[in-house]
Amino acid sequence: MTLTRQATLTGPDDFSFVFAKAKKIYGPHLTVLVRPNGRGAARLGLAVSKKHTGNAVVRNRVRRIVKESFRHHREQLGGLDIVVLSKRGVAEVERRELRQAIDQQWQSTLKKCRRS
């Protein structure tokens, strides 16, 4: 199952909206920026840096893992615009470890957004 266009942040305005007043959830390999969108459905944007991953194969692997995890948690994350940023060293992380880390960050996101 692929992400639909309605489930993704598509343009600079969408990303700027999140960056302007985002809540940040830091993890060992990724940083998640979150902002309520008032739409009732979660949307995802990715910023996986070539500088952090080295080449397109690794960059796309990181994107696939994050997207897959987002699809599984999208219903729980409803009403949020989310941007996931890569950190230095993400290229050396095993697939399973990266998936566990992003799954934990979704849980932290839910806790942080419920508090405010």
PDB file of N, CA and C in Angstrom:
ATOM      1  N   MET A   1       0.834  -1.172   0.000  1.00  0.00           N
ATOM      2  CA  MET A   1       0.000   0.000   0.000  1.00  0.00           C
ATOM      3  C   MET A   1       0.890   1.250   0.000  1.00  0.00           C
ATOM      4  N   THR A   2       0.653   2.134  -0.923  1.00  0.00           N
ATOM      5  CA  THR A   2       1.443   3.353  -1.022  1.00  0.00           C
ATOM      6  C   THR A   2       0.745   4.503  -0.317  1.00  0.00           C
ATOM      7  N   LEU A   3       1.524   5.527  -0.026  1.00  0.00           N
ATOM      8  CA  LEU A   3       0.939   6.730   0.563  1.00  0.00           C
ATOM      9  C   LEU A   3       0.257   7.523  -0.537  1.00  0.00           C
ATOM     10  N   THR A   4      -0.947   7.957  -0.277  1.00  0.00           N
ATOM     11  CA  THR A   4      -1.660   8.777  -1.249  1.00  0.00           C
ATOM     12  C   THR A   4      -1.145  10.207  -1.197  1.00  0.00           C
ATOM     13  N   ARG A   5      -1.494  10.979  -2.175  1.00  0.00           N
ATOM     14  CA  ARG A   5      -1.088  12.380  -2.216  1.00  0.00           C
ATOM     15  C   ARG A   5      -1.660  13.152  -1.031  1.00  0.00           C
ATOM     16  N   GLN A   6      -2.840  12.764  -0.571  1.00  0.00           N
ATOM     17  CA  GLN A   6      -3.456  13.428   0.580  1.00  0.00           C
ATOM     18  C   GLN A   6      -2.727  13.113   1.883  1.00  0.00           C
ATOM     19  N   ALA A   7      -1.899  12.068   1.890  1.00  0.00           N
ATOM     20  CA  ALA A   7      -1.181  11.653   3.097  1.00  0.00           C
ATOM     21  C   ALA A   7       0.246  12.189   3.145  1.00  0.00           C
ATOM     22  N   THR A   8       0.605  13.030   2.173  1.00  0.00           N
ATOM     23  CA  THR A   8       1.969  13.549   2.149  1.00  0.00           C
ATOM     24  C   THR A   8       1.979  15.071   2.102  1.00  0.00           C
ATOM     25  N   LEU A   9       3.047  15.642   2.637  1.00  0.00           N
ATOM     26  CA  LEU A   9       3.286  17.074   2.504  1.00  0.00           C
ATOM     27  C   LEU A   9       3.912  17.258   1.131  1.00  0.00           C
ATOM     28  N   THR A  10       3.322  18.106   0.305  1.00  0.00           N
ATOM     29  CA  THR A  10       3.729  18.144  -1.096  1.00  0.00           C
ATOM     30  C   THR A  10       4.557  19.343  -1.519  1.00  0.00           C
ATOM     31  N   GLY A  11       4.405  20.464  -0.866  1.00  0.00           N
ATOM     32  CA  GLY A  11       5.110  21.646  -1.353  1.00  0.00           C
ATOM     33  C   GLY A  11       5.824  22.401  -0.255  1.00  0.00           C
ATOM     34  N   PRO A  12       6.559  23.415  -0.641  1.00  0.00           N
ATOM     35  CA  PRO A  12       7.300  24.218   0.332  1.00  0.00           C
ATOM     36  C   PRO A  12       6.400  24.871   1.383  1.00  0.00           C
ATOM     37  N   ASP A  13       5.194  25.237   0.995  1.00  0.00           N
ATOM     38  CA  ASP A  13       4.276  25.852   1.958  1.00  0.00           C
ATOM     39  C   ASP A  13       3.896  24.878   3.069  1.00  0.00           C
ATOM     40  N   ASP A  14       3.688  23.607   2.703  1.00  0.00           N
ATOM     41  CA  ASP A  14       3.360  22.589   3.703  1.00  0.00           C
ATOM     42  C   ASP A  14       4.511  22.398   4.688  1.00  0.00           C
ATOM     43  N   PHE A  15       5.737  22.315   4.161  1.00  0.00           N
ATOM     44  CA  PHE A  15       6.903  22.133   5.021  1.00  0.00           C
ATOM     45  C   PHE A  15       7.128  23.368   5.888  1.00  0.00           C
ATOM     46  N   SER A  16       6.974  24.548   5.317  1.00  0.00           N
ATOM     47  CA  SER A  16       7.156  25.798   6.071  1.00  0.00           C
ATOM     48  C   SER A  16       6.156  25.896   7.214  1.00  0.00           C
ATOM     49  N   PHE A  17       4.929  25.445   6.968  1.00  0.00           N
ATOM     50  CA  PHE A  17       3.904  25.447   7.999  1.00  0.00           C
ATOM     51  C   PHE A  17       4.372  24.642   9.213  1.00  0.00           C
ATOM     52  N   VAL A  18       4.934  23.464   8.967  1.00  0.00           N
ATOM     53  CA  VAL A  18       5.395  22.606  10.067  1.00  0.00           C
ATOM     54  C   VAL A  18       6.618  23.213  10.747  1.00  0.00           C
ATOM     55  N   PHE A  19       7.580  23.685   9.968  1.00  0.00           N
ATOM     56  CA  PHE A  19       8.815  24.232  10.536  1.00  0.00           C
ATOM     57  C   PHE A  19       8.547  25.480  11.386  1.00  0.00           C
ATOM     58  N   ALA A  20       7.508  26.234  11.078  1.00  0.00           N
ATOM     59  CA  ALA A  20       7.247  27.503  11.759  1.00  0.00           C
ATOM     60  C   ALA A  20       7.017  27.330  13.263  1.00  0.00           C
ATOM     61  N   LYS A  21       6.189  26.384  13.656  1.00  0.00           N
ATOM     62  CA  LYS A  21       5.873  26.206  15.081  1.00  0.00           C
ATOM     63  C   LYS A  21       5.790  24.725  15.432  1.00  0.00           C
ATOM     64  N   ALA A  22       6.826  23.998  15.124  1.00  0.00           N
ATOM     65  CA  ALA A  22       6.809  22.555  15.320  1.00  0.00           C
ATOM     66  C   ALA A  22       7.199  22.157  16.736  1.00  0.00           C
ATOM     67  N   LYS A  23       6.591  21.078  17.180  1.00  0.00           N
ATOM     68  CA  LYS A  23       7.067  20.385  18.378  1.00  0.00           C
ATOM     69  C   LYS A  23       8.089  19.369  17.871  1.00  0.00           C
ATOM     70  N   LYS A  24       9.185  19.238  18.596  1.00  0.00           N
ATOM     71  CA  LYS A  24      10.266  18.372  18.143  1.00  0.00           C
ATOM     72  C   LYS A  24      10.378  17.141  19.030  1.00  0.00           C
ATOM     73  N   ILE A  25      10.493  16.000  18.396  1.00  0.00           N
ATOM     74  CA  ILE A  25      10.707  14.747  19.101  1.00  0.00           C
ATOM     75  C   ILE A  25      12.030  14.192  18.575  1.00  0.00           C
ATOM     76  N   TYR A  26      13.026  14.182  19.447  1.00  0.00           N
ATOM     77  CA  TYR A  26      14.363  13.765  19.043  1.00  0.00           C
ATOM     78  C   TYR A  26      14.555  12.281  19.304  1.00  0.00           C
ATOM     79  N   GLY A  27      15.177  11.617  18.352  1.00  0.00           N
ATOM     80  CA  GLY A  27      15.534  10.221  18.495  1.00  0.00           C
ATOM     81  C   GLY A  27      16.997  10.050  18.156  1.00  0.00           C
ATOM     82  N   PRO A  28      17.511   8.839  18.288  1.00  0.00           N
ATOM     83  CA  PRO A  28      18.927   8.617  18.019  1.00  0.00           C
ATOM     84  C   PRO A  28      19.309   8.775  16.542  1.00  0.00           C
ATOM     85  N   HIS A  29      18.366   8.516  15.623  1.00  0.00           N
ATOM     86  CA  HIS A  29      18.685   8.524  14.199  1.00  0.00           C
ATOM     87  C   HIS A  29      17.856   9.510  13.395  1.00  0.00           C
ATOM     88  N   LEU A  30      16.694   9.890  13.941  1.00  0.00           N
ATOM     89  CA  LEU A  30      15.770  10.773  13.232  1.00  0.00           C
ATOM     90  C   LEU A  30      15.203  11.813  14.185  1.00  0.00           C
ATOM     91  N   THR A  31      14.818  12.952  13.639  1.00  0.00           N
ATOM     92  CA  THR A  31      14.096  13.973  14.392  1.00  0.00           C
ATOM     93  C   THR A  31      12.722  14.126  13.748  1.00  0.00           C
ATOM     94  N   VAL A  32      11.695  14.135  14.580  1.00  0.00           N
ATOM     95  CA  VAL A  32      10.325  14.272  14.088  1.00  0.00           C
ATOM     96  C   VAL A  32       9.807  15.653  14.491  1.00  0.00           C
ATOM     97  N   LEU A  33       9.336  16.407  13.511  1.00  0.00           N
ATOM     98  CA  LEU A  33       8.715  17.704  13.748  1.00  0.00           C
ATOM     99  C   LEU A  33       7.215  17.546  13.528  1.00  0.00           C
ATOM    100  N   VAL A  34       6.416  18.045  14.471  1.00  0.00           N
ATOM    101  CA  VAL A  34       4.969  17.814  14.434  1.00  0.00           C
ATOM    102  C   VAL A  34       4.223  19.122  14.659  1.00  0.00           C
ATOM    103  N   ARG A  35       3.122  19.278  13.929  1.00  0.00           N
ATOM    104  CA  ARG A  35       2.238  20.424  14.141  1.00  0.00           C
ATOM    105  C   ARG A  35       0.821  20.012  13.760  1.00  0.00           C
ATOM    106  N   PRO A  36      -0.167  20.325  14.605  1.00  0.00           N
ATOM    107  CA  PRO A  36      -1.561  20.012  14.256  1.00  0.00           C
ATOM    108  C   PRO A  36      -1.966  20.720  12.957  1.00  0.00           C
ATOM    109  N   ASN A  37      -2.719  20.000  12.121  1.00  0.00           N
ATOM    110  CA  ASN A  37      -3.075  20.567  10.814  1.00  0.00           C
ATOM    111  C   ASN A  37      -4.550  20.909  10.662  1.00  0.00           C
ATOM    112  N   GLY A  38      -5.393  20.496  11.604  1.00  0.00           N
ATOM    113  CA  GLY A  38      -6.814  20.803  11.518  1.00  0.00           C
ATOM    114  C   GLY A  38      -7.556  20.047  10.430  1.00  0.00           C
ATOM    115  N   ARG A  39      -6.956  19.048   9.848  1.00  0.00           N
ATOM    116  CA  ARG A  39      -7.589  18.297   8.764  1.00  0.00           C
ATOM    117  C   ARG A  39      -8.199  16.977   9.229  1.00  0.00           C
ATOM    118  N   GLY A  40      -7.768  16.476  10.356  1.00  0.00           N
ATOM    119  CA  GLY A  40      -8.284  15.194  10.817  1.00  0.00           C
ATOM    120  C   GLY A  40      -7.496  13.998  10.315  1.00  0.00           C
ATOM    121  N   ALA A  41      -6.575  14.197   9.396  1.00  0.00           N
ATOM    122  CA  ALA A  41      -5.755  13.108   8.881  1.00  0.00           C
ATOM    123  C   ALA A  41      -4.284  13.510   8.929  1.00  0.00           C
ATOM    124  N   ALA A  42      -3.440  12.556   9.286  1.00  0.00           N
ATOM    125  CA  ALA A  42      -2.007  12.819   9.373  1.00  0.00           C
ATOM    126  C   ALA A  42      -1.385  12.882   7.978  1.00  0.00           C
ATOM    127  N   ARG A  43      -0.391  13.769   7.838  1.00  0.00           N
ATOM    128  CA  ARG A  43       0.360  13.874   6.589  1.00  0.00           C
ATOM    129  C   ARG A  43       1.848  13.807   6.916  1.00  0.00           C
ATOM    130  N   LEU A  44       2.627  13.214   6.026  1.00  0.00           N
ATOM    131  CA  LEU A  44       4.052  12.987   6.253  1.00  0.00           C
ATOM    132  C   LEU A  44       4.894  13.691   5.206  1.00  0.00           C
ATOM    133  N   GLY A  45       5.980  14.302   5.667  1.00  0.00           N
ATOM    134  CA  GLY A  45       7.003  14.861   4.790  1.00  0.00           C
ATOM    135  C   GLY A  45       8.351  14.322   5.229  1.00  0.00           C
ATOM    136  N   LEU A  46       9.221  14.054   4.281  1.00  0.00           N
ATOM    137  CA  LEU A  46      10.533  13.498   4.597  1.00  0.00           C
ATOM    138  C   LEU A  46      11.639  14.427   4.120  1.00  0.00           C
ATOM    139  N   ALA A  47      12.657  14.574   4.945  1.00  0.00           N
ATOM    140  CA  ALA A  47      13.853  15.327   4.578  1.00  0.00           C
ATOM    141  C   ALA A  47      15.049  14.461   4.972  1.00  0.00           C
ATOM    142  N   VAL A  48      15.377  13.518   4.094  1.00  0.00           N
ATOM    143  CA  VAL A  48      16.479  12.591   4.331  1.00  0.00           C
ATOM    144  C   VAL A  48      17.661  13.093   3.523  1.00  0.00           C
ATOM    145  N   SER A  49      18.654  13.586   4.221  1.00  0.00           N
ATOM    146  CA  SER A  49      19.765  14.290   3.607  1.00  0.00           C
ATOM    147  C   SER A  49      20.781  13.364   2.943  1.00  0.00           C
ATOM    148  N   LYS A  50      21.220  13.768   1.786  1.00  0.00           N
ATOM    149  CA  LYS A  50      22.289  13.070   1.087  1.00  0.00           C
ATOM    150  C   LYS A  50      23.566  13.111   1.932  1.00  0.00           C
ATOM    151  N   LYS A  51      23.738  14.188   2.649  1.00  0.00           N
ATOM    152  CA  LYS A  51      24.898  14.362   3.513  1.00  0.00           C
ATOM    153  C   LYS A  51      24.928  13.296   4.621  1.00  0.00           C
ATOM    154  N   HIS A  52      23.760  12.890   5.105  1.00  0.00           N
ATOM    155  CA  HIS A  52      23.682  11.909   6.184  1.00  0.00           C
ATOM    156  C   HIS A  52      23.650  10.472   5.700  1.00  0.00           C
ATOM    157  N   THR A  53      23.251  10.256   4.462  1.00  0.00           N
ATOM    158  CA  THR A  53      23.077   8.885   3.971  1.00  0.00           C
ATOM    159  C   THR A  53      24.114   8.463   2.947  1.00  0.00           C
ATOM    160  N   GLY A  54      24.699   9.403   2.253  1.00  0.00           N
ATOM    161  CA  GLY A  54      25.741   9.063   1.295  1.00  0.00           C
ATOM    162  C   GLY A  54      25.234   8.846  -0.113  1.00  0.00           C
ATOM    163  N   ASN A  55      24.352   7.883  -0.311  1.00  0.00           N
ATOM    164  CA  ASN A  55      23.902   7.622  -1.675  1.00  0.00           C
ATOM    165  C   ASN A  55      22.400   7.370  -1.725  1.00  0.00           C
ATOM    166  N   ALA A  56      21.885   7.294  -2.930  1.00  0.00           N
ATOM    167  CA  ALA A  56      20.435   7.181  -3.135  1.00  0.00           C
ATOM    168  C   ALA A  56      19.870   5.860  -2.611  1.00  0.00           C
ATOM    169  N   VAL A  57      20.647   4.804  -2.677  1.00  0.00           N
ATOM    170  CA  VAL A  57      20.156   3.502  -2.223  1.00  0.00           C
ATOM    171  C   VAL A  57      19.832   3.555  -0.726  1.00  0.00           C
ATOM    172  N   VAL A  58      20.742   4.077   0.046  1.00  0.00           N
ATOM    173  CA  VAL A  58      20.543   4.169   1.493  1.00  0.00           C
ATOM    174  C   VAL A  58      19.451   5.181   1.813  1.00  0.00           C
ATOM    175  N   ARG A  59      19.464   6.320   1.124  1.00  0.00           N
ATOM    176  CA  ARG A  59      18.458   7.355   1.340  1.00  0.00           C
ATOM    177  C   ARG A  59      17.050   6.804   1.093  1.00  0.00           C
ATOM    178  N   ASN A  60      16.887   6.064   0.013  1.00  0.00           N
ATOM    179  CA  ASN A  60      15.578   5.486  -0.299  1.00  0.00           C
ATOM    180  C   ASN A  60      15.180   4.396   0.698  1.00  0.00           C
ATOM    181  N   ARG A  61      16.159   3.643   1.216  1.00  0.00           N
ATOM    182  CA  ARG A  61      15.881   2.627   2.235  1.00  0.00           C
ATOM    183  C   ARG A  61      15.318   3.292   3.492  1.00  0.00           C
ATOM    184  N   VAL A  62      15.950   4.380   3.910  1.00  0.00           N
ATOM    185  CA  VAL A  62      15.466   5.112   5.090  1.00  0.00           C
ATOM    186  C   VAL A  62      14.055   5.625   4.836  1.00  0.00           C
ATOM    187  N   ARG A  63      13.816   6.189   3.674  1.00  0.00           N
ATOM    188  CA  ARG A  63      12.473   6.692   3.340  1.00  0.00           C
ATOM    189  C   ARG A  63      11.429   5.588   3.378  1.00  0.00           C
ATOM    190  N   ARG A  64      11.762   4.430   2.805  1.00  0.00           N
ATOM    191  CA  ARG A  64      10.806   3.310   2.785  1.00  0.00           C
ATOM    192  C   ARG A  64      10.447   2.854   4.192  1.00  0.00           C
ATOM    193  N   ILE A  65      11.456   2.769   5.053  1.00  0.00           N
ATOM    194  CA  ILE A  65      11.216   2.322   6.431  1.00  0.00           C
ATOM    195  C   ILE A  65      10.307   3.307   7.156  1.00  0.00           C
ATOM    196  N   VAL A  66      10.578   4.604   7.015  1.00  0.00           N
ATOM    197  CA  VAL A  66       9.767   5.618   7.686  1.00  0.00           C
ATOM    198  C   VAL A  66       8.343   5.610   7.134  1.00  0.00           C
ATOM    199  N   LYS A  67       8.193   5.527   5.820  1.00  0.00           N
ATOM    200  CA  LYS A  67       6.855   5.515   5.216  1.00  0.00           C
ATOM    201  C   LYS A  67       6.052   4.299   5.658  1.00  0.00           C
ATOM    202  N   GLU A  68       6.700   3.144   5.703  1.00  0.00           N
ATOM    203  CA  GLU A  68       6.012   1.926   6.125  1.00  0.00           C
ATOM    204  C   GLU A  68       5.521   2.069   7.567  1.00  0.00           C
ATOM    205  N   SER A  69       6.371   2.574   8.427  1.00  0.00           N
ATOM    206  CA  SER A  69       5.983   2.778   9.822  1.00  0.00           C
ATOM    207  C   SER A  69       4.846   3.792   9.925  1.00  0.00           C
ATOM    208  N   PHE A  70       4.928   4.879   9.154  1.00  0.00           N
ATOM    209  CA  PHE A  70       3.882   5.899   9.159  1.00  0.00           C
ATOM    210  C   PHE A  70       2.541   5.307   8.735  1.00  0.00           C
ATOM    211  N   ARG A  71       2.534   4.467   7.717  1.00  0.00           N
ATOM    212  CA  ARG A  71       1.287   3.836   7.264  1.00  0.00           C
ATOM    213  C   ARG A  71       0.633   3.033   8.386  1.00  0.00           C
ATOM    214  N   HIS A  72       1.457   2.347   9.185  1.00  0.00           N
ATOM    215  CA  HIS A  72       0.920   1.542  10.289  1.00  0.00           C
ATOM    216  C   HIS A  72       0.391   2.404  11.435  1.00  0.00           C
ATOM    217  N   HIS A  73       0.909   3.613  11.591  1.00  0.00           N
ATOM    218  CA  HIS A  73       0.516   4.473  12.703  1.00  0.00           C
ATOM    219  C   HIS A  73      -0.348   5.655  12.282  1.00  0.00           C
ATOM    220  N   ARG A  74      -0.694   5.762  11.023  1.00  0.00           N
ATOM    221  CA  ARG A  74      -1.380   6.945  10.509  1.00  0.00           C
ATOM    222  C   ARG A  74      -2.707   7.220  11.207  1.00  0.00           C
ATOM    223  N   GLU A  75      -3.482   6.190  11.473  1.00  0.00           N
ATOM    224  CA  GLU A  75      -4.780   6.381  12.127  1.00  0.00           C
ATOM    225  C   GLU A  75      -4.608   6.998  13.514  1.00  0.00           C
ATOM    226  N   GLN A  76      -3.611   6.547  14.253  1.00  0.00           N
ATOM    227  CA  GLN A  76      -3.356   7.066  15.597  1.00  0.00           C
ATOM    228  C   GLN A  76      -2.864   8.510  15.554  1.00  0.00           C
ATOM    229  N   LEU A  77      -2.148   8.870  14.487  1.00  0.00           N
ATOM    230  CA  LEU A  77      -1.528  10.190  14.369  1.00  0.00           C
ATOM    231  C   LEU A  77      -2.436  11.210  13.707  1.00  0.00           C
ATOM    232  N   GLY A  78      -3.707  10.922  13.569  1.00  0.00           N
ATOM    233  CA  GLY A  78      -4.642  11.785  12.863  1.00  0.00           C
ATOM    234  C   GLY A  78      -4.563  13.250  13.261  1.00  0.00           C
ATOM    235  N   GLY A  79      -4.671  14.133  12.277  1.00  0.00           N
ATOM    236  CA  GLY A  79      -4.701  15.560  12.530  1.00  0.00           C
ATOM    237  C   GLY A  79      -3.352  16.218  12.712  1.00  0.00           C
ATOM    238  N   LEU A  80      -2.288  15.541  12.327  1.00  0.00           N
ATOM    239  CA  LEU A  80      -0.950  16.101  12.490  1.00  0.00           C
ATOM    240  C   LEU A  80      -0.220  16.167  11.153  1.00  0.00           C
ATOM    241  N   ASP A  81       0.528  17.248  10.959  1.00  0.00           N
ATOM    242  CA  ASP A  81       1.485  17.308   9.860  1.00  0.00           C
ATOM    243  C   ASP A  81       2.834  16.962  10.463  1.00  0.00           C
ATOM    244  N   ILE A  82       3.550  16.047   9.827  1.00  0.00           N
ATOM    245  CA  ILE A  82       4.792  15.518  10.383  1.00  0.00           C
ATOM    246  C   ILE A  82       5.902  15.616   9.341  1.00  0.00           C
ATOM    247  N   VAL A  83       7.056  16.114   9.774  1.00  0.00           N
ATOM    248  CA  VAL A  83       8.257  16.102   8.938  1.00  0.00           C
ATOM    249  C   VAL A  83       9.308  15.286   9.677  1.00  0.00           C
ATOM    250  N   VAL A  84       9.896  14.313   8.997  1.00  0.00           N
ATOM    251  CA  VAL A  84      10.944  13.486   9.577  1.00  0.00           C
ATOM    252  C   VAL A  84      12.273  13.897   8.952  1.00  0.00           C
ATOM    253  N   LEU A  85      13.224  14.259   9.807  1.00  0.00           N
ATOM    254  CA  LEU A  85      14.554  14.683   9.379  1.00  0.00           C
ATOM    255  C   LEU A  85      15.570  13.616   9.749  1.00  0.00           C
ATOM    256  N   SER A  86      16.521  13.353   8.854  1.00  0.00           N
ATOM    257  CA  SER A  86      17.565  12.383   9.152  1.00  0.00           C
ATOM    258  C   SER A  86      18.665  13.029   9.990  1.00  0.00           C
ATOM    259  N   LYS A  87      19.393  12.177  10.695  1.00  0.00           N
ATOM    260  CA  LYS A  87      20.538  12.631  11.479  1.00  0.00           C
ATOM    261  C   LYS A  87      21.790  11.919  10.969  1.00  0.00           C
ATOM    262  N   ARG A  88      22.918  12.482  11.322  1.00  0.00           N
ATOM    263  CA  ARG A  88      24.195  11.875  10.948  1.00  0.00           C
ATOM    264  C   ARG A  88      24.257  10.450  11.519  1.00  0.00           C
ATOM    265  N   GLY A  89      24.721   9.510  10.728  1.00  0.00           N
ATOM    266  CA  GLY A  89      24.868   8.126  11.168  1.00  0.00           C
ATOM    267  C   GLY A  89      23.695   7.230  10.842  1.00  0.00           C
ATOM    268  N   VAL A  90      22.631   7.777  10.279  1.00  0.00           N
ATOM    269  CA  VAL A  90      21.451   6.967   9.966  1.00  0.00           C
ATOM    270  C   VAL A  90      21.778   5.892   8.929  1.00  0.00           C
ATOM    271  N   ALA A  91      22.779   6.110   8.110  1.00  0.00           N
ATOM    272  CA  ALA A  91      23.142   5.160   7.059  1.00  0.00           C
ATOM    273  C   ALA A  91      23.694   3.848   7.624  1.00  0.00           C
ATOM    274  N   GLU A  92      24.281   3.901   8.810  1.00  0.00           N
ATOM    275  CA  GLU A  92      24.900   2.707   9.388  1.00  0.00           C
ATOM    276  C   GLU A  92      23.937   1.876  10.237  1.00  0.00           C
ATOM    277  N   VAL A  93      22.720   2.353  10.401  1.00  0.00           N
ATOM    278  CA  VAL A  93      21.760   1.683  11.281  1.00  0.00           C
ATOM    279  C   VAL A  93      21.086   0.526  10.545  1.00  0.00           C
ATOM    280  N   GLU A  94      20.925  -0.577  11.265  1.00  0.00           N
ATOM    281  CA  GLU A  94      20.211  -1.730  10.712  1.00  0.00           C
ATOM    282  C   GLU A  94      18.735  -1.393  10.523  1.00  0.00           C
ATOM    283  N   ARG A  95      18.121  -2.036   9.559  1.00  0.00           N
ATOM    284  CA  ARG A  95      16.708  -1.813   9.240  1.00  0.00           C
ATOM    285  C   ARG A  95      15.818  -1.992  10.471  1.00  0.00           C
ATOM    286  N   ARG A  96      16.003  -3.066  11.214  1.00  0.00           N
ATOM    287  CA  ARG A  96      15.168  -3.360  12.380  1.00  0.00           C
ATOM    288  C   ARG A  96      15.326  -2.278  13.458  1.00  0.00           C
ATOM    289  N   GLU A  97      16.550  -1.847  13.700  1.00  0.00           N
ATOM    290  CA  GLU A  97      16.799  -0.820  14.718  1.00  0.00           C
ATOM    291  C   GLU A  97      16.150   0.510  14.327  1.00  0.00           C
ATOM    292  N   LEU A  98      16.245   0.859  13.039  1.00  0.00           N
ATOM    293  CA  LEU A  98      15.632   2.096  12.568  1.00  0.00           C
ATOM    294  C   LEU A  98      14.115   2.024  12.694  1.00  0.00           C
ATOM    295  N   ARG A  99      13.532   0.896  12.359  1.00  0.00           N
ATOM    296  CA  ARG A  99      12.081   0.728  12.456  1.00  0.00           C
ATOM    297  C   ARG A  99      11.624   0.838  13.915  1.00  0.00           C
ATOM    298  N   GLN A 100      12.352   0.217  14.826  1.00  0.00           N
ATOM    299  CA  GLN A 100      12.001   0.308  16.239  1.00  0.00           C
ATOM    300  C   GLN A 100      12.110   1.737  16.742  1.00  0.00           C
ATOM    301  N   ALA A 101      13.144   2.445  16.303  1.00  0.00           N
ATOM    302  CA  ALA A 101      13.347   3.832  16.739  1.00  0.00           C
ATOM    303  C   ALA A 101      12.207   4.729  16.267  1.00  0.00           C
ATOM    304  N   ILE A 102      11.807   4.608  15.004  1.00  0.00           N
ATOM    305  CA  ILE A 102      10.736   5.472  14.495  1.00  0.00           C
ATOM    306  C   ILE A 102       9.398   5.080  15.122  1.00  0.00           C
ATOM    307  N   ASP A 103       9.172   3.797  15.377  1.00  0.00           N
ATOM    308  CA  ASP A 103       7.939   3.381  16.055  1.00  0.00           C
ATOM    309  C   ASP A 103       7.858   3.997  17.452  1.00  0.00           C
ATOM    310  N   GLN A 104       8.971   4.039  18.165  1.00  0.00           N
ATOM    311  CA  GLN A 104       9.006   4.660  19.490  1.00  0.00           C
ATOM    312  C   GLN A 104       8.767   6.161  19.393  1.00  0.00           C
ATOM    313  N   GLN A 105       9.292   6.779  18.342  1.00  0.00           N
ATOM    314  CA  GLN A 105       9.083   8.217  18.171  1.00  0.00           C
ATOM    315  C   GLN A 105       7.624   8.539  17.884  1.00  0.00           C
ATOM    316  N   TRP A 106       6.906   7.661  17.189  1.00  0.00           N
ATOM    317  CA  TRP A 106       5.472   7.893  16.979  1.00  0.00           C
ATOM    318  C   TRP A 106       4.755   7.887  18.319  1.00  0.00           C
ATOM    319  N   GLN A 107       5.125   6.966  19.198  1.00  0.00           N
ATOM    320  CA  GLN A 107       4.502   6.906  20.525  1.00  0.00           C
ATOM    321  C   GLN A 107       4.816   8.171  21.325  1.00  0.00           C
ATOM    322  N   SER A 108       6.056   8.631  21.250  1.00  0.00           N
ATOM    323  CA  SER A 108       6.435   9.874  21.932  1.00  0.00           C
ATOM    324  C   SER A 108       5.674  11.060  21.358  1.00  0.00           C
ATOM    325  N   THR A 109       5.466  11.044  20.057  1.00  0.00           N
ATOM    326  CA  THR A 109       4.712  12.105  19.385  1.00  0.00           C
ATOM    327  C   THR A 109       3.292  12.161  19.922  1.00  0.00           C
ATOM    328  N   LEU A 110       2.658  11.015  20.026  1.00  0.00           N
ATOM    329  CA  LEU A 110       1.301  10.955  20.535  1.00  0.00           C
ATOM    330  C   LEU A 110       1.222  11.483  21.968  1.00  0.00           C
ATOM    331  N   LYS A 111       2.172  11.103  22.820  1.00  0.00           N
ATOM    332  CA  LYS A 111       2.187  11.575  24.203  1.00  0.00           C
ATOM    333  C   LYS A 111       2.388  13.075  24.269  1.00  0.00           C
ATOM    334  N   LYS A 112       3.319  13.585  23.491  1.00  0.00           N
ATOM    335  CA  LYS A 112       3.639  15.017  23.519  1.00  0.00           C
ATOM    336  C   LYS A 112       2.469  15.849  22.994  1.00  0.00           C
ATOM    337  N   CYS A 113       1.790  15.361  21.988  1.00  0.00           N
ATOM    338  CA  CYS A 113       0.670  16.122  21.407  1.00  0.00           C
ATOM    339  C   CYS A 113      -0.574  16.052  22.289  1.00  0.00           C
ATOM    340  N   ARG A 114      -0.722  15.022  23.060  1.00  0.00           N
ATOM    341  CA  ARG A 114      -1.878  14.916  23.972  1.00  0.00           C
ATOM    342  C   ARG A 114      -1.727  15.879  25.143  1.00  0.00           C
ATOM    343  N   ARG A 115      -0.478  16.095  25.594  1.00  0.00           N
ATOM    344  CA  ARG A 115      -0.230  16.967  26.741  1.00  0.00           C
ATOM    345  C   ARG A 115      -0.578  18.417  26.468  1.00  0.00           C
ATOM    346  N   SER A 116      -0.428  18.839  25.218  1.00  0.00           N
ATOM    347  CA  SER A 116      -0.651  20.266  24.929  1.00  0.00           C
ATOM    348  C   SER A 116      -1.979  20.533  24.282  1.00  0.00           C
TER     349      SER A 116
END
